[in-house]
PDB file of all heavy atoms in Angstrom:
ATOM      1  N   GLU A   1    -101.107 142.632  72.841  1.00  0.00           N
ATOM      2  CA  GLU A   1    -101.463 141.235  73.129  1.00  0.00           C
ATOM      3  C   GLU A   1    -101.930 140.601  71.818  1.00  0.00           C
ATOM      4  O   GLU A   1    -102.298 141.307  70.870  1.00  0.00           O
ATOM      5  CB  GLU A   1    -102.569 141.163  74.186  1.00  0.00           C
ATOM      6  CG  GLU A   1    -103.822 141.907  73.769  1.00  0.00           C
ATOM      7  CD  GLU A   1    -105.027 141.575  74.643  1.00  0.00           C
ATOM      8  OE1 GLU A   1    -104.888 140.769  75.572  1.00  0.00           O
ATOM      9  OE2 GLU A   1    -106.103 142.114  74.361  1.00  0.00           O
ATOM     10  N   PRO A   2    -101.932 139.276  71.735  1.00  0.00           N
ATOM     11  CA  PRO A   2    -102.251 138.613  70.458  1.00  0.00           C
ATOM     12  C   PRO A   2    -103.590 139.021  69.840  1.00  0.00           C
ATOM     13  O   PRO A   2    -103.718 139.050  68.614  1.00  0.00           O
ATOM     14  CB  PRO A   2    -102.244 137.127  70.834  1.00  0.00           C
ATOM     15  CG  PRO A   2    -101.292 137.047  71.986  1.00  0.00           C
ATOM     16  CD  PRO A   2    -101.477 138.319  72.758  1.00  0.00           C
ATOM     17  N   ALA A   3    -104.572 139.361  70.677  1.00  0.00           N
ATOM     18  CA  ALA A   3    -105.911 139.709  70.153  1.00  0.00           C
ATOM     19  C   ALA A   3    -105.885 140.952  69.259  1.00  0.00           C
ATOM     20  O   ALA A   3    -106.809 141.182  68.482  1.00  0.00           O
ATOM     21  CB  ALA A   3    -106.883 139.923  71.306  1.00  0.00           C
ATOM     22  N   ALA A   4    -104.824 141.746  69.342  1.00  0.00           N
ATOM     23  CA  ALA A   4    -104.733 142.990  68.555  1.00  0.00           C
ATOM     24  C   ALA A   4    -104.068 142.772  67.195  1.00  0.00           C
ATOM     25  O   ALA A   4    -103.708 143.736  66.527  1.00  0.00           O
ATOM     26  CB  ALA A   4    -103.954 144.044  69.347  1.00  0.00           C
ATOM     27  N   TYR A   5    -103.894 141.516  66.802  1.00  0.00           N
ATOM     28  CA  TYR A   5    -103.207 141.213  65.538  1.00  0.00           C
ATOM     29  C   TYR A   5    -104.089 140.386  64.603  1.00  0.00           C
ATOM     30  O   TYR A   5    -104.823 139.500  65.046  1.00  0.00           O
ATOM     31  CB  TYR A   5    -101.895 140.460  65.818  1.00  0.00           C
ATOM     32  CG  TYR A   5    -100.895 141.318  66.538  1.00  0.00           C
ATOM     33  CD1 TYR A   5    -100.933 141.444  67.928  1.00  0.00           C
ATOM     34  CD2 TYR A   5     -99.937 142.062  65.843  1.00  0.00           C
ATOM     35  CE1 TYR A   5    -100.036 142.276  68.609  1.00  0.00           C
ATOM     36  CE2 TYR A   5     -99.045 142.888  66.510  1.00  0.00           C
ATOM     37  CZ  TYR A   5     -99.098 142.990  67.879  1.00  0.00           C
ATOM     38  OH  TYR A   5     -98.226 143.820  68.543  1.00  0.00           O
ATOM     39  N   LEU A   6    -103.995 140.689  63.319  1.00  0.00           N
ATOM     40  CA  LEU A   6    -104.725 139.942  62.290  1.00  0.00           C
ATOM     41  C   LEU A   6    -103.755 139.002  61.582  1.00  0.00           C
ATOM     42  O   LEU A   6    -102.643 139.403  61.229  1.00  0.00           O
ATOM     43  CB  LEU A   6    -105.296 140.881  61.226  1.00  0.00           C
ATOM     44  CG  LEU A   6    -106.442 141.802  61.581  1.00  0.00           C
ATOM     45  CD1 LEU A   6    -105.918 143.113  62.144  1.00  0.00           C
ATOM     46  CD2 LEU A   6    -107.266 142.088  60.336  1.00  0.00           C
ATOM     47  N   SER A   7    -104.203 137.772  61.362  1.00  0.00           N
ATOM     48  CA  SER A   7    -103.395 136.790  60.643  1.00  0.00           C
ATOM     49  C   SER A   7    -104.296 135.627  60.275  1.00  0.00           C
ATOM     50  O   SER A   7    -105.304 135.393  60.952  1.00  0.00           O
ATOM     51  CB  SER A   7    -102.249 136.299  61.543  1.00  0.00           C
ATOM     52  OG  SER A   7    -101.556 135.229  60.940  1.00  0.00           O
ATOM     53  N   GLU A   8    -103.937 134.904  59.206  1.00  0.00           N
ATOM     54  CA  GLU A   8    -104.689 133.678  58.887  1.00  0.00           C
ATOM     55  C   GLU A   8    -104.614 132.718  60.072  1.00  0.00           C
ATOM     56  O   GLU A   8    -105.534 131.956  60.311  1.00  0.00           O
ATOM     57  CB  GLU A   8    -104.088 133.001  57.646  1.00  0.00           C
ATOM     58  CG  GLU A   8    -104.416 133.674  56.338  1.00  0.00           C
ATOM     59  CD  GLU A   8    -105.753 133.247  55.750  1.00  0.00           C
ATOM     60  OE1 GLU A   8    -105.986 132.039  55.581  1.00  0.00           O
ATOM     61  OE2 GLU A   8    -106.573 134.142  55.471  1.00  0.00           O
ATOM     62  N   ASN A   9    -103.487 132.756  60.789  1.00  0.00           N
ATOM     63  CA  ASN A   9    -103.337 131.944  62.000  1.00  0.00           C
ATOM     64  C   ASN A   9    -103.175 132.885  63.191  1.00  0.00           C
ATOM     65  O   ASN A   9    -102.072 133.333  63.490  1.00  0.00           O
ATOM     66  CB  ASN A   9    -102.124 131.015  61.885  1.00  0.00           C
ATOM     67  CG  ASN A   9    -101.872 130.263  63.189  1.00  0.00           C
ATOM     68  OD1 ASN A   9    -102.675 130.326  64.126  1.00  0.00           O
ATOM     69  ND2 ASN A   9    -100.763 129.557  63.265  1.00  0.00           N
ATOM     70  N   PRO A  10    -104.275 133.201  63.890  1.00  0.00           N
ATOM     71  CA  PRO A  10    -104.199 134.180  64.982  1.00  0.00           C
ATOM     72  C   PRO A  10    -103.326 133.731  66.156  1.00  0.00           C
ATOM     73  O   PRO A  10    -102.962 134.540  67.000  1.00  0.00           O
ATOM     74  CB  PRO A  10    -105.660 134.352  65.418  1.00  0.00           C
ATOM     75  CG  PRO A  10    -106.402 133.194  64.846  1.00  0.00           C
ATOM     76  CD  PRO A  10    -105.629 132.697  63.663  1.00  0.00           C
ATOM     77  N   HIS A  11    -102.962 132.434  66.193  1.00  0.00           N
ATOM     78  CA  HIS A  11    -102.131 131.937  67.300  1.00  0.00           C
ATOM     79  C   HIS A  11    -100.639 132.155  67.051  1.00  0.00           C
ATOM     80  O   HIS A  11     -99.836 132.081  67.985  1.00  0.00           O
ATOM     81  CB  HIS A  11    -102.387 130.441  67.530  1.00  0.00           C
ATOM     82  CG  HIS A  11    -103.814 130.130  67.845  1.00  0.00           C
ATOM     83  ND1 HIS A  11    -104.410 130.491  69.035  1.00  0.00           N
ATOM     84  CD2 HIS A  11    -104.768 129.520  67.103  1.00  0.00           C
ATOM     85  CE1 HIS A  11    -105.678 130.106  69.024  1.00  0.00           C
ATOM     86  NE2 HIS A  11    -105.915 129.525  67.860  1.00  0.00           N
ATOM     87  N   PHE A  12    -100.267 132.404  65.789  1.00  0.00           N
ATOM     88  CA  PHE A  12     -98.850 132.429  65.417  1.00  0.00           C
ATOM     89  C   PHE A  12     -98.050 133.456  66.227  1.00  0.00           C
ATOM     90  O   PHE A  12     -96.919 133.194  66.645  1.00  0.00           O
ATOM     91  CB  PHE A  12     -98.694 132.722  63.921  1.00  0.00           C
ATOM     92  CG  PHE A  12     -97.256 132.763  63.461  1.00  0.00           C
ATOM     93  CD1 PHE A  12     -96.571 131.603  63.187  1.00  0.00           C
ATOM     94  CD2 PHE A  12     -96.593 133.977  63.321  1.00  0.00           C
ATOM     95  CE1 PHE A  12     -95.240 131.628  62.776  1.00  0.00           C
ATOM     96  CE2 PHE A  12     -95.261 134.020  62.910  1.00  0.00           C
ATOM     97  CZ  PHE A  12     -94.589 132.838  62.643  1.00  0.00           C
ATOM     98  N   CYS A  13     -98.613 134.636  66.457  1.00  0.00           N
ATOM     99  CA  CYS A  13     -97.847 135.720  67.093  1.00  0.00           C
ATOM    100  C   CYS A  13     -97.658 135.527  68.597  1.00  0.00           C
ATOM    101  O   CYS A  13     -96.865 136.241  69.227  1.00  0.00           O
ATOM    102  CB  CYS A  13     -98.525 137.067  66.822  1.00  0.00           C
ATOM    103  SG  CYS A  13    -100.185 137.203  67.532  1.00  0.00           S
ATOM    104  N   LYS A  14     -98.372 134.570  69.197  1.00  0.00           N
ATOM    105  CA  LYS A  14     -98.392 134.458  70.664  1.00  0.00           C
ATOM    106  C   LYS A  14     -97.011 134.210  71.272  1.00  0.00           C
ATOM    107  O   LYS A  14     -96.630 134.851  72.249  1.00  0.00           O
ATOM    108  CB  LYS A  14     -99.347 133.335  71.097  1.00  0.00           C
ATOM    109  CG  LYS A  14    -100.806 133.687  70.904  1.00  0.00           C
ATOM    110  CD  LYS A  14    -101.713 132.531  71.330  1.00  0.00           C
ATOM    111  CE  LYS A  14    -103.178 132.938  71.192  1.00  0.00           C
ATOM    112  NZ  LYS A  14    -104.080 131.807  71.502  1.00  0.00           N
ATOM    113  N   SER A  15     -96.259 133.279  70.700  1.00  0.00           N
ATOM    114  CA  SER A  15     -94.969 132.902  71.285  1.00  0.00           C
ATOM    115  C   SER A  15     -94.005 134.083  71.322  1.00  0.00           C
ATOM    116  O   SER A  15     -93.448 134.422  72.373  1.00  0.00           O
ATOM    117  CB  SER A  15     -94.362 131.739  70.491  1.00  0.00           C
ATOM    118  OG  SER A  15     -93.044 131.482  70.938  1.00  0.00           O
ATOM    119  N   ALA A  16     -93.812 134.730  70.175  1.00  0.00           N
ATOM    120  CA  ALA A  16     -92.856 135.848  70.102  1.00  0.00           C
ATOM    121  C   ALA A  16     -93.284 137.000  71.006  1.00  0.00           C
ATOM    122  O   ALA A  16     -92.458 137.579  71.729  1.00  0.00           O
ATOM    123  CB  ALA A  16     -92.710 136.326  68.660  1.00  0.00           C
ATOM    124  N   LEU A  17     -94.574 137.342  70.994  1.00  0.00           N
ATOM    125  CA  LEU A  17     -95.048 138.461  71.824  1.00  0.00           C
ATOM    126  C   LEU A  17     -94.878 138.171  73.309  1.00  0.00           C
ATOM    127  O   LEU A  17     -94.661 139.087  74.103  1.00  0.00           O
ATOM    128  CB  LEU A  17     -96.526 138.757  71.519  1.00  0.00           C
ATOM    129  CG  LEU A  17     -96.840 139.382  70.160  1.00  0.00           C
ATOM    130  CD1 LEU A  17     -98.351 139.412  69.927  1.00  0.00           C
ATOM    131  CD2 LEU A  17     -96.274 140.803  70.050  1.00  0.00           C
ATOM    132  N   ALA A  18     -94.971 136.883  73.679  1.00  0.00           N
ATOM    133  CA  ALA A  18     -94.817 136.515  75.091  1.00  0.00           C
ATOM    134  C   ALA A  18     -93.356 136.521  75.518  1.00  0.00           C
ATOM    135  O   ALA A  18     -93.037 136.815  76.675  1.00  0.00           O
ATOM    136  CB  ALA A  18     -95.419 135.130  75.334  1.00  0.00           C
ATOM    137  N   ARG A  19     -92.460 136.225  74.583  1.00  0.00           N
ATOM    138  CA  ARG A  19     -91.047 136.088  74.937  1.00  0.00           C
ATOM    139  C   ARG A  19     -90.301 137.413  74.922  1.00  0.00           C
ATOM    140  O   ARG A  19     -89.321 137.593  75.646  1.00  0.00           O
ATOM    141  CB  ARG A  19     -90.373 135.070  74.021  1.00  0.00           C
ATOM    142  CG  ARG A  19     -90.833 133.652  74.380  1.00  0.00           C
ATOM    143  CD  ARG A  19     -90.543 132.657  73.289  1.00  0.00           C
ATOM    144  NE  ARG A  19     -89.127 132.516  73.028  1.00  0.00           N
ATOM    145  CZ  ARG A  19     -88.596 132.466  71.814  1.00  0.00           C
ATOM    146  NH1 ARG A  19     -89.369 132.550  70.748  1.00  0.00           N
ATOM    147  NH2 ARG A  19     -87.304 132.323  71.656  1.00  0.00           N
ATOM    148  N   TYR A  20     -90.723 138.352  74.080  1.00  0.00           N
ATOM    149  CA  TYR A  20     -90.142 139.701  74.118  1.00  0.00           C
ATOM    150  C   TYR A  20     -91.318 140.670  74.109  1.00  0.00           C
ATOM    151  O   TYR A  20     -91.974 140.871  73.094  1.00  0.00           O
ATOM    152  CB  TYR A  20     -89.204 139.964  72.933  1.00  0.00           C
ATOM    153  CG  TYR A  20     -88.442 141.268  73.090  1.00  0.00           C
ATOM    154  CD1 TYR A  20     -87.229 141.308  73.774  1.00  0.00           C
ATOM    155  CD2 TYR A  20     -88.961 142.468  72.605  1.00  0.00           C
ATOM    156  CE1 TYR A  20     -86.543 142.504  73.948  1.00  0.00           C
ATOM    157  CE2 TYR A  20     -88.281 143.674  72.773  1.00  0.00           C
ATOM    158  CZ  TYR A  20     -87.076 143.680  73.450  1.00  0.00           C
ATOM    159  OH  TYR A  20     -86.406 144.871  73.633  1.00  0.00           O
ATOM    160  N   THR A  21     -91.587 141.254  75.281  1.00  0.00           N
ATOM    161  CA  THR A  21     -92.818 142.033  75.472  1.00  0.00           C
ATOM    162  C   THR A  21     -92.573 143.532  75.326  1.00  0.00           C
ATOM    163  O   THR A  21     -91.428 143.988  75.215  1.00  0.00           O
ATOM    164  CB  THR A  21     -93.396 141.786  76.878  1.00  0.00           C
ATOM    165  OG1 THR A  21     -92.515 142.397  77.841  1.00  0.00           O
ATOM    166  CG2 THR A  21     -93.523 140.291  77.180  1.00  0.00           C
ATOM    167  N   GLN A  22     -93.673 144.282  75.379  1.00  0.00           N
ATOM    168  CA  GLN A  22     -93.576 145.743  75.363  1.00  0.00           C
ATOM    169  C   GLN A  22     -92.726 146.253  76.531  1.00  0.00           C
ATOM    170  O   GLN A  22     -92.012 147.245  76.399  1.00  0.00           O
ATOM    171  CB  GLN A  22     -94.966 146.399  75.378  1.00  0.00           C
ATOM    172  CG  GLN A  22     -95.876 146.043  76.541  1.00  0.00           C
ATOM    173  CD  GLN A  22     -96.755 144.832  76.263  1.00  0.00           C
ATOM    174  OE1 GLN A  22     -96.292 143.826  75.738  1.00  0.00           O
ATOM    175  NE2 GLN A  22     -98.038 144.919  76.638  1.00  0.00           N
ATOM    176  N   TRP A  23     -92.779 145.545  77.669  1.00  0.00           N
ATOM    177  CA  TRP A  23     -92.021 145.981  78.856  1.00  0.00           C
ATOM    178  C   TRP A  23     -90.520 145.824  78.605  1.00  0.00           C
ATOM    179  O   TRP A  23     -89.717 146.635  79.084  1.00  0.00           O
ATOM    180  CB  TRP A  23     -92.465 145.183  80.091  1.00  0.00           C
ATOM    181  CG  TRP A  23     -93.954 145.166  80.206  1.00  0.00           C
ATOM    182  CD1 TRP A  23     -94.790 144.102  80.025  1.00  0.00           C
ATOM    183  CD2 TRP A  23     -94.806 146.300  80.459  1.00  0.00           C
ATOM    184  NE1 TRP A  23     -96.099 144.497  80.154  1.00  0.00           N
ATOM    185  CE2 TRP A  23     -96.146 145.829  80.421  1.00  0.00           C
ATOM    186  CE3 TRP A  23     -94.576 147.659  80.703  1.00  0.00           C
ATOM    187  CZ2 TRP A  23     -97.237 146.660  80.627  1.00  0.00           C
ATOM    188  CZ3 TRP A  23     -95.659 148.489  80.906  1.00  0.00           C
ATOM    189  CH2 TRP A  23     -96.969 147.998  80.874  1.00  0.00           C
ATOM    190  N   ASP A  24     -90.148 144.789  77.861  1.00  0.00           N
ATOM    191  CA  ASP A  24     -88.731 144.596  77.522  1.00  0.00           C
ATOM    192  C   ASP A  24     -88.232 145.753  76.658  1.00  0.00           C
ATOM    193  O   ASP A  24     -87.132 146.264  76.867  1.00  0.00           O
ATOM    194  CB  ASP A  24     -88.537 143.270  76.772  1.00  0.00           C
ATOM    195  CG  ASP A  24     -88.852 142.070  77.653  1.00  0.00           C
ATOM    196  OD1 ASP A  24     -88.394 142.051  78.805  1.00  0.00           O
ATOM    197  OD2 ASP A  24     -89.565 141.165  77.192  1.00  0.00           O
ATOM    198  N   PHE A  25     -89.056 146.150  75.684  1.00  0.00           N
ATOM    199  CA  PHE A  25     -88.625 147.248  74.813  1.00  0.00           C
ATOM    200  C   PHE A  25     -88.599 148.568  75.577  1.00  0.00           C
ATOM    201  O   PHE A  25     -87.676 149.376  75.418  1.00  0.00           O
ATOM    202  CB  PHE A  25     -89.517 147.359  73.569  1.00  0.00           C
ATOM    203  CG  PHE A  25     -88.911 148.240  72.507  1.00  0.00           C
ATOM    204  CD1 PHE A  25     -87.877 147.779  71.707  1.00  0.00           C
ATOM    205  CD2 PHE A  25     -89.328 149.551  72.341  1.00  0.00           C
ATOM    206  CE1 PHE A  25     -87.276 148.587  70.745  1.00  0.00           C
ATOM    207  CE2 PHE A  25     -88.747 150.375  71.379  1.00  0.00           C
ATOM    208  CZ  PHE A  25     -87.718 149.889  70.581  1.00  0.00           C
ATOM    209  N   ILE A  26     -89.588 148.777  76.438  1.00  0.00           N
ATOM    210  CA  ILE A  26     -89.621 149.997  77.259  1.00  0.00           C
ATOM    211  C   ILE A  26     -88.360 150.073  78.130  1.00  0.00           C
ATOM    212  O   ILE A  26     -87.772 151.147  78.298  1.00  0.00           O
ATOM    213  CB  ILE A  26     -90.905 150.044  78.123  1.00  0.00           C
ATOM    214  CG1 ILE A  26     -92.138 150.258  77.232  1.00  0.00           C
ATOM    215  CG2 ILE A  26     -90.827 151.151  79.183  1.00  0.00           C
ATOM    216  CD1 ILE A  26     -93.467 149.968  77.921  1.00  0.00           C
ATOM    217  N   ASP A  27     -87.924 148.924  78.650  1.00  0.00           N
ATOM    218  CA  ASP A  27     -86.685 148.886  79.461  1.00  0.00           C
ATOM    219  C   ASP A  27     -85.501 149.402  78.645  1.00  0.00           C
ATOM    220  O   ASP A  27     -84.667 150.157  79.148  1.00  0.00           O
ATOM    221  CB  ASP A  27     -86.376 147.448  79.925  1.00  0.00           C
ATOM    222  CG  ASP A  27     -87.202 147.051  81.139  1.00  0.00           C
ATOM    223  OD1 ASP A  27     -87.813 147.947  81.758  1.00  0.00           O
ATOM    224  OD2 ASP A  27     -87.245 145.848  81.450  1.00  0.00           O
ATOM    225  N   MET A  28     -85.426 148.988  77.379  1.00  0.00           N
ATOM    226  CA  MET A  28     -84.311 149.428  76.537  1.00  0.00           C
ATOM    227  C   MET A  28     -84.396 150.934  76.267  1.00  0.00           C
ATOM    228  O   MET A  28     -83.395 151.647  76.345  1.00  0.00           O
ATOM    229  CB  MET A  28     -84.278 148.659  75.217  1.00  0.00           C
ATOM    230  CG  MET A  28     -83.068 149.021  74.365  1.00  0.00           C
ATOM    231  SD  MET A  28     -82.746 147.884  73.029  1.00  0.00           S
ATOM    232  CE  MET A  28     -84.001 148.357  71.901  1.00  0.00           C
ATOM    233  N   VAL A  29     -85.595 151.414  75.976  1.00  0.00           N
ATOM    234  CA  VAL A  29     -85.799 152.849  75.743  1.00  0.00           C
ATOM    235  C   VAL A  29     -85.378 153.639  76.992  1.00  0.00           C
ATOM    236  O   VAL A  29     -84.708 154.678  76.894  1.00  0.00           O
ATOM    237  CB  VAL A  29     -87.285 153.123  75.375  1.00  0.00           C
ATOM    238  CG1 VAL A  29     -87.588 154.610  75.363  1.00  0.00           C
ATOM    239  CG2 VAL A  29     -87.612 152.518  74.003  1.00  0.00           C
ATOM    240  N   ASN A  30     -85.736 153.120  78.163  1.00  0.00           N
ATOM    241  CA  ASN A  30     -85.366 153.791  79.423  1.00  0.00           C
ATOM    242  C   ASN A  30     -83.852 153.787  79.641  1.00  0.00           C
ATOM    243  O   ASN A  30     -83.281 154.760  80.143  1.00  0.00           O
ATOM    244  CB  ASN A  30     -86.067 153.130  80.612  1.00  0.00           C
ATOM    245  CG  ASN A  30     -87.559 153.438  80.647  1.00  0.00           C
ATOM    246  OD1 ASN A  30     -88.013 154.411  80.050  1.00  0.00           O
ATOM    247  ND2 ASN A  30     -88.328 152.616  81.344  1.00  0.00           N
ATOM    248  N   ARG A  31     -83.196 152.664  79.255  1.00  0.00           N
ATOM    249  CA  ARG A  31     -81.731 152.584  79.408  1.00  0.00           C
ATOM    250  C   ARG A  31     -81.035 153.669  78.591  1.00  0.00           C
ATOM    251  O   ARG A  31     -79.967 154.141  78.971  1.00  0.00           O
ATOM    252  CB  ARG A  31     -81.225 151.212  78.938  1.00  0.00           C
ATOM    253  CG  ARG A  31     -81.315 150.119  79.958  1.00  0.00           C
ATOM    254  CD  ARG A  31     -80.322 148.988  79.707  1.00  0.00           C
ATOM    255  NE  ARG A  31     -80.245 148.514  78.332  1.00  0.00           N
ATOM    256  CZ  ARG A  31     -81.080 147.647  77.789  1.00  0.00           C
ATOM    257  NH1 ARG A  31     -82.085 147.168  78.484  1.00  0.00           N
ATOM    258  NH2 ARG A  31     -80.926 147.258  76.534  1.00  0.00           N
ATOM    259  N   TYR A  32     -81.639 154.054  77.475  1.00  0.00           N
ATOM    260  CA  TYR A  32     -81.074 155.102  76.626  1.00  0.00           C
ATOM    261  C   TYR A  32     -81.565 156.502  77.019  1.00  0.00           C
ATOM    262  O   TYR A  32     -81.303 157.467  76.313  1.00  0.00           O
ATOM    263  CB  TYR A  32     -81.405 154.817  75.156  1.00  0.00           C
ATOM    264  CG  TYR A  32     -80.439 153.844  74.512  1.00  0.00           C
ATOM    265  CD1 TYR A  32     -80.585 152.476  74.692  1.00  0.00           C
ATOM    266  CD2 TYR A  32     -79.361 154.295  73.756  1.00  0.00           C
ATOM    267  CE1 TYR A  32     -79.693 151.578  74.112  1.00  0.00           C
ATOM    268  CE2 TYR A  32     -78.466 153.412  73.168  1.00  0.00           C
ATOM    269  CZ  TYR A  32     -78.636 152.053  73.353  1.00  0.00           C
ATOM    270  OH  TYR A  32     -77.745 151.170  72.778  1.00  0.00           O
ATOM    271  N   ASN A  33     -82.272 156.559  78.159  1.00  0.00           N
ATOM    272  CA  ASN A  33     -82.774 157.843  78.682  1.00  0.00           C
ATOM    273  C   ASN A  33     -83.617 158.607  77.657  1.00  0.00           C
ATOM    274  O   ASN A  33     -83.531 159.834  77.559  1.00  0.00           O
ATOM    275  CB  ASN A  33     -81.612 158.735  79.156  1.00  0.00           C
ATOM    276  CG  ASN A  33     -80.865 158.097  80.311  1.00  0.00           C
ATOM    277  OD1 ASN A  33     -81.496 157.607  81.252  1.00  0.00           O
ATOM    278  ND2 ASN A  33     -79.544 158.076  80.231  1.00  0.00           N
ATOM    279  N   ILE A  34     -84.403 157.855  76.888  1.00  0.00           N
ATOM    280  CA  ILE A  34     -85.317 158.494  75.937  1.00  0.00           C
ATOM    281  C   ILE A  34     -86.628 158.775  76.662  1.00  0.00           C
ATOM    282  O   ILE A  34     -87.277 157.847  77.166  1.00  0.00           O
ATOM    283  CB  ILE A  34     -85.569 157.589  74.707  1.00  0.00           C
ATOM    284  CG1 ILE A  34     -84.252 157.351  73.947  1.00  0.00           C
ATOM    285  CG2 ILE A  34     -86.628 158.190  73.785  1.00  0.00           C
ATOM    286  CD1 ILE A  34     -84.346 156.293  72.854  1.00  0.00           C
ATOM    287  N   ALA A  35     -86.985 160.045  76.754  1.00  0.00           N
ATOM    288  CA  ALA A  35     -88.229 160.414  77.441  1.00  0.00           C
ATOM    289  C   ALA A  35     -89.423 160.056  76.559  1.00  0.00           C
ATOM    290  O   ALA A  35     -89.386 160.253  75.345  1.00  0.00           O
ATOM    291  CB  ALA A  35     -88.233 161.912  77.745  1.00  0.00           C
ATOM    292  N   TRP A  36     -90.467 159.510  77.188  1.00  0.00           N
ATOM    293  CA  TRP A  36     -91.651 159.101  76.420  1.00  0.00           C
ATOM    294  C   TRP A  36     -92.910 159.380  77.222  1.00  0.00           C
ATOM    295  O   TRP A  36     -92.858 159.654  78.422  1.00  0.00           O
ATOM    296  CB  TRP A  36     -91.570 157.624  76.029  1.00  0.00           C
ATOM    297  CG  TRP A  36     -91.312 156.667  77.167  1.00  0.00           C
ATOM    298  CD1 TRP A  36     -90.095 156.230  77.622  1.00  0.00           C
ATOM    299  CD2 TRP A  36     -92.289 156.034  78.019  1.00  0.00           C
ATOM    300  NE1 TRP A  36     -90.245 155.368  78.689  1.00  0.00           N
ATOM    301  CE2 TRP A  36     -91.587 155.230  78.942  1.00  0.00           C
ATOM    302  CE3 TRP A  36     -93.683 156.064  78.081  1.00  0.00           C
ATOM    303  CZ2 TRP A  36     -92.241 154.470  79.922  1.00  0.00           C
ATOM    304  CZ3 TRP A  36     -94.341 155.306  79.054  1.00  0.00           C
ATOM    305  CH2 TRP A  36     -93.609 154.518  79.964  1.00  0.00           C
ATOM    306  N   HIS A  37     -94.044 159.318  76.533  1.00  0.00           N
ATOM    307  CA  HIS A  37     -95.330 159.543  77.209  1.00  0.00           C
ATOM    308  C   HIS A  37     -96.393 158.653  76.570  1.00  0.00           C
ATOM    309  O   HIS A  37     -96.244 158.221  75.422  1.00  0.00           O
ATOM    310  CB  HIS A  37     -95.758 161.013  77.096  1.00  0.00           C
ATOM    311  CG  HIS A  37     -95.928 161.478  75.681  1.00  0.00           C
ATOM    312  ND1 HIS A  37     -94.848 161.864  74.896  1.00  0.00           N
ATOM    313  CD2 HIS A  37     -97.032 161.596  74.884  1.00  0.00           C
ATOM    314  CE1 HIS A  37     -95.288 162.202  73.691  1.00  0.00           C
ATOM    315  NE2 HIS A  37     -96.605 162.049  73.652  1.00  0.00           N
ATOM    316  N   GLU A  38     -97.442 158.391  77.343  1.00  0.00           N
ATOM    317  CA  GLU A  38     -98.600 157.674  76.798  1.00  0.00           C
ATOM    318  C   GLU A  38     -99.568 158.713  76.255  1.00  0.00           C
ATOM    319  O   GLU A  38     -99.922 159.658  76.946  1.00  0.00           O
ATOM    320  CB  GLU A  38     -99.298 156.842  77.873  1.00  0.00           C
ATOM    321  CG  GLU A  38    -100.504 156.093  77.322  1.00  0.00           C
ATOM    322  CD  GLU A  38    -101.338 155.374  78.387  1.00  0.00           C
ATOM    323  OE1 GLU A  38    -100.921 155.358  79.561  1.00  0.00           O
ATOM    324  OE2 GLU A  38    -102.411 154.857  78.037  1.00  0.00           O
ATOM    325  N   LYS A  39     -99.969 158.545  75.003  1.00  0.00           N
ATOM    326  CA  LYS A  39    -100.890 159.500  74.395  1.00  0.00           C
ATOM    327  C   LYS A  39    -102.330 159.094  74.732  1.00  0.00           C
ATOM    328  O   LYS A  39    -102.956 159.665  75.597  1.00  0.00           O
ATOM    329  CB  LYS A  39    -100.667 159.556  72.881  1.00  0.00           C
ATOM    330  CG  LYS A  39    -101.093 160.875  72.258  1.00  0.00           C
ATOM    331  CD  LYS A  39    -100.578 160.965  70.834  1.00  0.00           C
ATOM    332  CE  LYS A  39    -101.094 162.197  70.130  1.00  0.00           C
ATOM    333  NZ  LYS A  39    -100.676 162.221  68.734  1.00  0.00           N
ATOM    334  N   THR A  40    -102.856 158.103  74.038  1.00  0.00           N
ATOM    335  CA  THR A  40    -104.173 157.547  74.374  1.00  0.00           C
ATOM    336  C   THR A  40    -104.116 156.057  74.139  1.00  0.00           C
ATOM    337  O   THR A  40    -103.267 155.561  73.387  1.00  0.00           O
ATOM    338  CB  THR A  40    -105.309 158.092  73.463  1.00  0.00           C
ATOM    339  OG1 THR A  40    -104.976 157.776  72.104  1.00  0.00           O
ATOM    340  CG2 THR A  40    -105.481 159.577  73.585  1.00  0.00           C
ATOM    341  N   LEU A  41    -105.014 155.328  74.799  1.00  0.00           N
ATOM    342  CA  LEU A  41    -105.188 153.897  74.538  1.00  0.00           C
ATOM    343  C   LEU A  41    -103.878 153.110  74.555  1.00  0.00           C
ATOM    344  O   LEU A  41    -103.656 152.217  73.752  1.00  0.00           O
ATOM    345  CB  LEU A  41    -105.887 153.700  73.174  1.00  0.00           C
ATOM    346  CG  LEU A  41    -107.244 154.411  73.021  1.00  0.00           C
ATOM    347  CD1 LEU A  41    -107.706 154.393  71.576  1.00  0.00           C
ATOM    348  CD2 LEU A  41    -108.290 153.754  73.912  1.00  0.00           C
TER     349      LEU A  41
END
């Protein structure tokens, strides 16, 4: 989420992060049948 990013303009990353999210990338990883796990945090 945007709060986890440092920038002179902390608002800049909001649009891109909202339009292509971690869930979108996870979907692609799943489509390629790449097994993954959550480690911590």
